[in-house]
Amino acid sequence: MNFKEADTVLDLKNIRDELVRMEDTIIFNFIERSHFPSCPVVYAKDHPGLPLPNFDGSFLDWALLHMEKVQSQLRRFESPDETPFFPEEILKPILPNINYPQVLASYAQQINYNAKIKHIYEEEIVPLISKYEGDQSENYGSIATTDIACLQSLSRRIHFGKFVAEAKYQNDKELYRKLIRNKDVNGIMQNITNAAVEEKILERLTTKADVYGVDPTNKEGDRRITPEYLVKIYKEIVIPLTKEVEVEYLLRRLGDDA
């Protein structure tokens, strides 16, 4: 998606196409993570096996923070579809600024679900996609690097709800303004929910996981990710969190019109 072309960014078809592409990224990142055990040490704060002087957090926190500092200098977080996990720590880009047209409301970057995404990833997703429960100290760095790819792809997918919300708002301002004025959270949730589209997403994910999750040259080999787990992650985590982002975004939308 070209965020410099404002007219195309809020086209719901373009948004859906982008969300479909994100599925592949997430699946392949999960497959990479599935080669390793759970390694809870990577997520433990102040673990004696991974001393981090002058740092208050886990090994994954440390790796993610330093990765974001470098990526921020490469202009990653100037893009309106990227949301940092450590917004207070990112640095100014060394590359020239890109003047993206403003498509989202002015408060869009304040909506940041990354702390929640990271917690759910560590507590609920890692146990589902890990090769087995256990430790593998020689691969702590590889695991953290793979975790970062998983987290950033999940974050981008979930926070893309802001674009979905803005597109729906623009398509029916009268309806959403009424719901927002009444603070009708249930009404907003009902109107942003499309059960048929969600079912199609889950069907597509089942097919993709069935195809991507096993080596085509060795179909009797270990399955790297199962359709059941992938559907569970989307149905119980990704889709609900995306809708939370949409609702929070819309509830503030009238203030930006003032």
Protein backbone atom coordinates (compact mmCIF):
# COMPACT_ATOMS: atom_id res chain seq x y z
CA MET A 1 0.00 0.00 0.00
CA ASN A 2 1.35 3.40 -0.97
CA PHE A 3 0.71 5.74 1.95
CA LYS A 4 1.72 8.73 -0.14
CA GLU A 5 -1.42 8.27 -2.25
CA ALA A 6 -4.10 9.34 0.20
CA ASP A 7 -6.99 8.57 -2.16
CA THR A 8 -6.16 4.87 -2.22
CA VAL A 9 -5.33 4.28 1.44
CA LEU A 10 -8.91 4.33 2.71
CA ASP A 11 -10.31 2.17 -0.07
CA LEU A 12 -11.73 -0.85 1.78
CA LYS A 13 -10.73 -3.20 -1.02
CA ASN A 14 -7.13 -2.01 -0.80
CA ILE A 15 -7.25 -2.40 2.98
CA ARG A 16 -8.60 -5.96 2.68
CA ASP A 17 -5.92 -6.84 0.15
CA GLU A 18 -3.25 -5.54 2.54
CA LEU A 19 -4.71 -7.56 5.42
CA VAL A 20 -4.63 -10.70 3.28
CA ARG A 21 -0.93 -10.12 2.53
CA MET A 22 -0.28 -9.67 6.24
CA GLU A 23 -1.67 -13.16 6.87
CA ASP A 24 1.20 -14.69 4.92
CA THR A 25 3.77 -12.64 6.83
CA ILE A 26 2.31 -13.68 10.18
CA ILE A 27 2.06 -17.34 9.21
CA PHE A 28 5.65 -17.55 8.01
CA ASN A 29 6.89 -15.73 11.11
CA PHE A 30 5.00 -18.24 13.25
CA ILE A 31 6.55 -21.08 11.26
CA GLU A 32 10.01 -19.65 11.97
CA ARG A 33 9.17 -19.48 15.68
CA SER A 34 7.90 -23.07 15.60
CA HIS A 35 11.45 -24.36 15.03
CA PHE A 36 12.34 -23.42 18.63
CA PRO A 37 11.11 -24.46 22.09
CA SER A 38 9.18 -22.05 24.30
CA CYS A 39 12.27 -20.80 26.20
CA PRO A 40 10.49 -18.89 29.01
CA VAL A 41 13.87 -17.46 30.10
CA VAL A 42 13.71 -15.09 27.11
CA TYR A 43 10.56 -13.49 28.56
CA ALA A 44 11.54 -13.48 32.22
CA LYS A 45 12.42 -10.19 33.90
CA ASP A 46 15.72 -10.12 35.84
CA HIS A 47 16.53 -13.74 35.07
CA PRO A 48 19.96 -14.78 36.48
CA GLY A 49 20.68 -16.77 33.32
CA LEU A 50 20.45 -13.64 31.19
CA PRO A 51 21.89 -10.71 33.17
CA LEU A 52 21.16 -7.32 31.62
CA PRO A 53 23.09 -4.60 33.47
CA ASN A 54 21.23 -1.32 33.92
CA PHE A 55 18.09 -2.64 32.21
CA ASP A 56 14.71 -3.26 33.81
CA GLY A 57 13.05 -5.88 31.66
CA SER A 58 13.36 -9.22 29.90
CA PHE A 59 15.89 -10.27 27.29
CA LEU A 60 13.18 -9.90 24.64
CA ASP A 61 12.43 -6.37 25.92
CA TRP A 62 16.12 -5.49 25.64
CA ALA A 63 16.44 -6.91 22.12
CA LEU A 64 13.20 -5.30 20.92
CA LEU A 65 14.13 -1.89 22.36
CA HIS A 66 17.51 -1.86 20.63
CA MET A 67 16.02 -3.15 17.39
CA GLU A 68 13.45 -0.34 17.41
CA LYS A 69 16.11 2.27 18.04
CA VAL A 70 17.95 1.18 14.90
CA GLN A 71 14.75 0.84 12.88
CA SER A 72 13.57 4.29 13.96
CA GLN A 73 16.79 5.77 12.57
CA LEU A 74 15.97 4.00 9.30
CA ARG A 75 12.61 5.79 9.23
CA ARG A 76 10.42 2.77 10.02
CA PHE A 77 8.14 4.54 12.44
CA GLU A 78 7.48 7.49 10.20
CA SER A 79 5.21 5.20 8.23
CA PRO A 80 1.60 5.59 9.47
CA ASP A 81 1.08 1.82 9.59
CA GLU A 82 3.90 1.18 12.07
CA THR A 83 3.50 1.42 15.85
CA PRO A 84 6.57 1.14 18.12
CA PHE A 85 6.61 -0.95 21.28
CA PHE A 86 8.86 1.65 22.94
CA PRO A 87 7.54 4.98 21.58
CA GLU A 88 9.41 7.01 24.19
CA GLU A 89 12.76 5.48 23.22
CA ILE A 90 12.80 5.71 19.42
CA LEU A 91 15.33 8.00 17.75
CA LYS A 92 15.14 10.54 14.97
CA PRO A 93 15.73 9.13 11.47
CA ILE A 94 19.06 9.67 9.81
CA LEU A 95 17.24 9.56 6.45
CA PRO A 96 15.26 12.55 5.14
CA ASN A 97 11.69 12.81 6.39
CA ILE A 98 8.83 11.57 4.22
CA ASN A 99 5.86 13.92 4.28
CA TYR A 100 3.01 11.45 4.24
CA PRO A 101 -0.45 12.99 3.73
CA GLN A 102 -2.57 12.84 6.88
CA VAL A 103 -5.14 10.11 6.40
CA LEU A 104 -5.87 9.15 9.99
CA ALA A 105 -7.05 11.38 12.83
CA SER A 106 -4.42 13.41 14.65
CA TYR A 107 -4.52 11.15 17.74
CA ALA A 108 -3.97 7.90 15.79
CA GLN A 109 -0.43 7.30 17.08
CA GLN A 110 -1.67 7.61 20.66
CA ILE A 111 -3.65 4.40 20.20
CA ASN A 112 -1.03 1.82 21.01
CA TYR A 113 -1.96 -1.74 22.01
CA ASN A 114 1.56 -3.10 21.86
CA ALA A 115 1.92 -3.75 25.59
CA LYS A 116 -1.21 -5.88 25.45
CA ILE A 117 -0.11 -7.59 22.23
CA LYS A 118 3.27 -8.45 23.72
CA HIS A 119 1.75 -9.84 26.92
CA ILE A 120 -0.72 -12.03 25.00
CA TYR A 121 2.01 -13.15 22.62
CA GLU A 122 4.25 -14.32 25.44
CA GLU A 123 1.51 -15.88 27.54
CA GLU A 124 -0.83 -17.38 24.93
CA ILE A 125 0.72 -17.50 21.46
CA VAL A 126 4.25 -18.73 22.22
CA PRO A 127 2.97 -21.89 23.96
CA LEU A 128 0.83 -22.67 20.91
CA ILE A 129 3.48 -22.21 18.23
CA SER A 130 6.63 -23.44 20.02
CA LYS A 131 8.19 -26.75 19.04
CA TYR A 132 7.98 -27.95 22.62
CA GLU A 133 7.95 -26.65 26.18
CA GLY A 134 11.53 -26.21 27.29
CA ASP A 135 14.77 -24.30 27.09
CA GLN A 136 17.51 -23.94 24.46
CA SER A 137 20.13 -21.50 25.68
CA GLU A 138 22.24 -21.60 22.51
CA ASN A 139 19.33 -20.06 20.57
CA TYR A 140 18.21 -17.22 22.85
CA GLY A 141 19.32 -14.64 20.29
CA SER A 142 17.62 -16.40 17.39
CA ILE A 143 14.44 -16.82 19.40
CA ALA A 144 14.33 -13.14 20.39
CA THR A 145 14.94 -12.09 16.78
CA THR A 146 12.13 -14.35 15.57
CA ASP A 147 9.85 -13.12 18.36
CA ILE A 148 10.45 -9.53 17.24
CA ALA A 149 9.35 -10.39 13.70
CA CYS A 150 6.22 -12.09 15.07
CA LEU A 151 5.38 -9.17 17.36
CA GLN A 152 5.88 -6.50 14.73
CA SER A 153 3.77 -8.32 12.16
CA LEU A 154 0.99 -8.85 14.71
CA SER A 155 1.20 -5.21 15.78
CA ARG A 156 0.93 -3.96 12.21
CA ARG A 157 -2.08 -6.21 11.54
CA ILE A 158 -3.93 -5.23 14.71
CA HIS A 159 -3.23 -1.51 14.47
CA PHE A 160 -4.39 -1.53 10.85
CA GLY A 161 -7.80 -1.39 12.51
CA LYS A 162 -7.30 2.38 12.56
CA PHE A 163 -7.41 2.46 8.77
CA VAL A 164 -10.44 0.17 8.74
CA ALA A 165 -12.20 2.40 11.26
CA GLU A 166 -11.44 5.61 9.35
CA ALA A 167 -12.61 4.08 6.07
CA LYS A 168 -15.89 2.97 7.65
CA TYR A 169 -16.35 6.37 9.28
CA GLN A 170 -15.84 8.17 5.97
CA ASN A 171 -18.29 5.83 4.25
CA ASP A 172 -21.12 6.50 6.72
CA LYS A 173 -20.41 9.61 8.80
CA GLU A 174 -24.02 10.13 9.80
CA LEU A 175 -24.34 6.68 11.36
CA TYR A 176 -21.01 6.74 13.19
CA ARG A 177 -21.41 10.32 14.44
CA LYS A 178 -24.71 9.31 16.05
CA LEU A 179 -23.16 6.24 17.66
CA ILE A 180 -20.14 8.21 18.87
CA ARG A 181 -22.25 11.03 20.35
CA ASN A 182 -24.27 8.42 22.26
CA LYS A 183 -21.08 6.61 23.30
CA ASP A 184 -22.78 3.49 21.99
CA VAL A 185 -19.89 1.04 22.17
CA ASN A 186 -22.14 -1.95 21.44
CA GLY A 187 -23.62 -0.17 18.44
CA ILE A 188 -20.17 0.68 17.09
CA MET A 189 -19.01 -2.90 17.62
CA GLN A 190 -22.04 -4.26 15.79
CA ASN A 191 -21.49 -1.96 12.83
CA ILE A 192 -17.78 -2.67 12.44
CA THR A 193 -18.36 -6.43 12.69
CA ASN A 194 -18.93 -8.37 9.50
CA ALA A 195 -19.43 -12.01 10.46
CA ALA A 196 -19.28 -13.19 6.85
CA VAL A 197 -15.92 -11.50 6.26
CA GLU A 198 -14.52 -12.88 9.52
CA GLU A 199 -15.64 -16.39 8.58
CA LYS A 200 -13.96 -16.03 5.20
CA ILE A 201 -10.74 -14.96 6.94
CA LEU A 202 -10.80 -18.06 9.14
CA GLU A 203 -11.51 -20.32 6.15
CA ARG A 204 -8.62 -18.77 4.24
CA LEU A 205 -6.29 -19.18 7.22
CA THR A 206 -7.25 -22.84 7.52
CA THR A 207 -6.30 -23.40 3.90
CA LYS A 208 -3.05 -21.45 4.17
CA ALA A 209 -1.95 -23.20 7.35
CA ASP A 210 -2.77 -26.54 5.79
CA VAL A 211 -0.59 -25.71 2.77
CA TYR A 212 2.22 -23.69 4.37
CA GLY A 213 2.44 -25.64 7.60
CA VAL A 214 4.06 -28.76 6.19
CA ASP A 215 7.03 -29.40 3.93
CA PRO A 216 5.49 -30.27 0.52
CA THR A 217 8.36 -32.70 -0.14
CA ASN A 218 7.73 -34.52 3.12
CA LYS A 219 4.04 -34.43 3.91
CA GLU A 220 4.47 -37.13 6.53
CA GLY A 221 6.88 -34.92 8.47
CA ASP A 222 6.14 -32.79 11.51
CA ARG A 223 3.57 -30.08 10.95
CA ARG A 224 5.13 -26.70 11.74
CA ILE A 225 1.86 -24.90 12.48
CA THR A 226 -1.64 -26.33 12.60
CA PRO A 227 -4.79 -24.78 11.10
CA GLU A 228 -6.51 -25.18 14.47
CA TYR A 229 -3.92 -23.08 16.30
CA LEU A 230 -3.79 -20.41 13.63
CA VAL A 231 -7.57 -20.06 13.54
CA LYS A 232 -7.63 -19.92 17.35
CA ILE A 233 -5.04 -17.11 17.39
CA TYR A 234 -6.96 -15.06 14.85
CA LYS A 235 -10.43 -15.77 16.22
CA GLU A 236 -9.61 -15.22 19.89
CA ILE A 237 -6.79 -12.66 19.70
CA VAL A 238 -6.08 -10.92 16.40
CA ILE A 239 -9.64 -10.12 15.27
CA PRO A 240 -10.93 -9.07 18.73
CA LEU A 241 -7.89 -6.82 19.36
CA THR A 242 -8.27 -5.24 15.91
CA LYS A 243 -11.88 -4.42 16.74
CA GLU A 244 -10.80 -2.95 20.10
CA VAL A 245 -8.48 -0.63 18.18
CA GLU A 246 -11.31 0.32 15.81
CA VAL A 247 -13.71 1.11 18.65
CA GLU A 248 -11.18 3.22 20.58
CA TYR A 249 -10.29 5.10 17.40
CA LEU A 250 -13.92 5.82 16.53
CA LEU A 251 -14.95 6.90 20.04
CA ARG A 252 -12.50 9.84 19.74
CA ARG A 253 -13.23 10.66 16.12
CA LEU A 254 -15.63 13.57 16.59
CA GLY A 255 -13.06 15.53 18.60
CA ASP A 256 -10.80 15.54 15.56
CA ASP A 257 -13.62 16.96 13.40
CA ALA A 258 -14.07 19.96 15.68
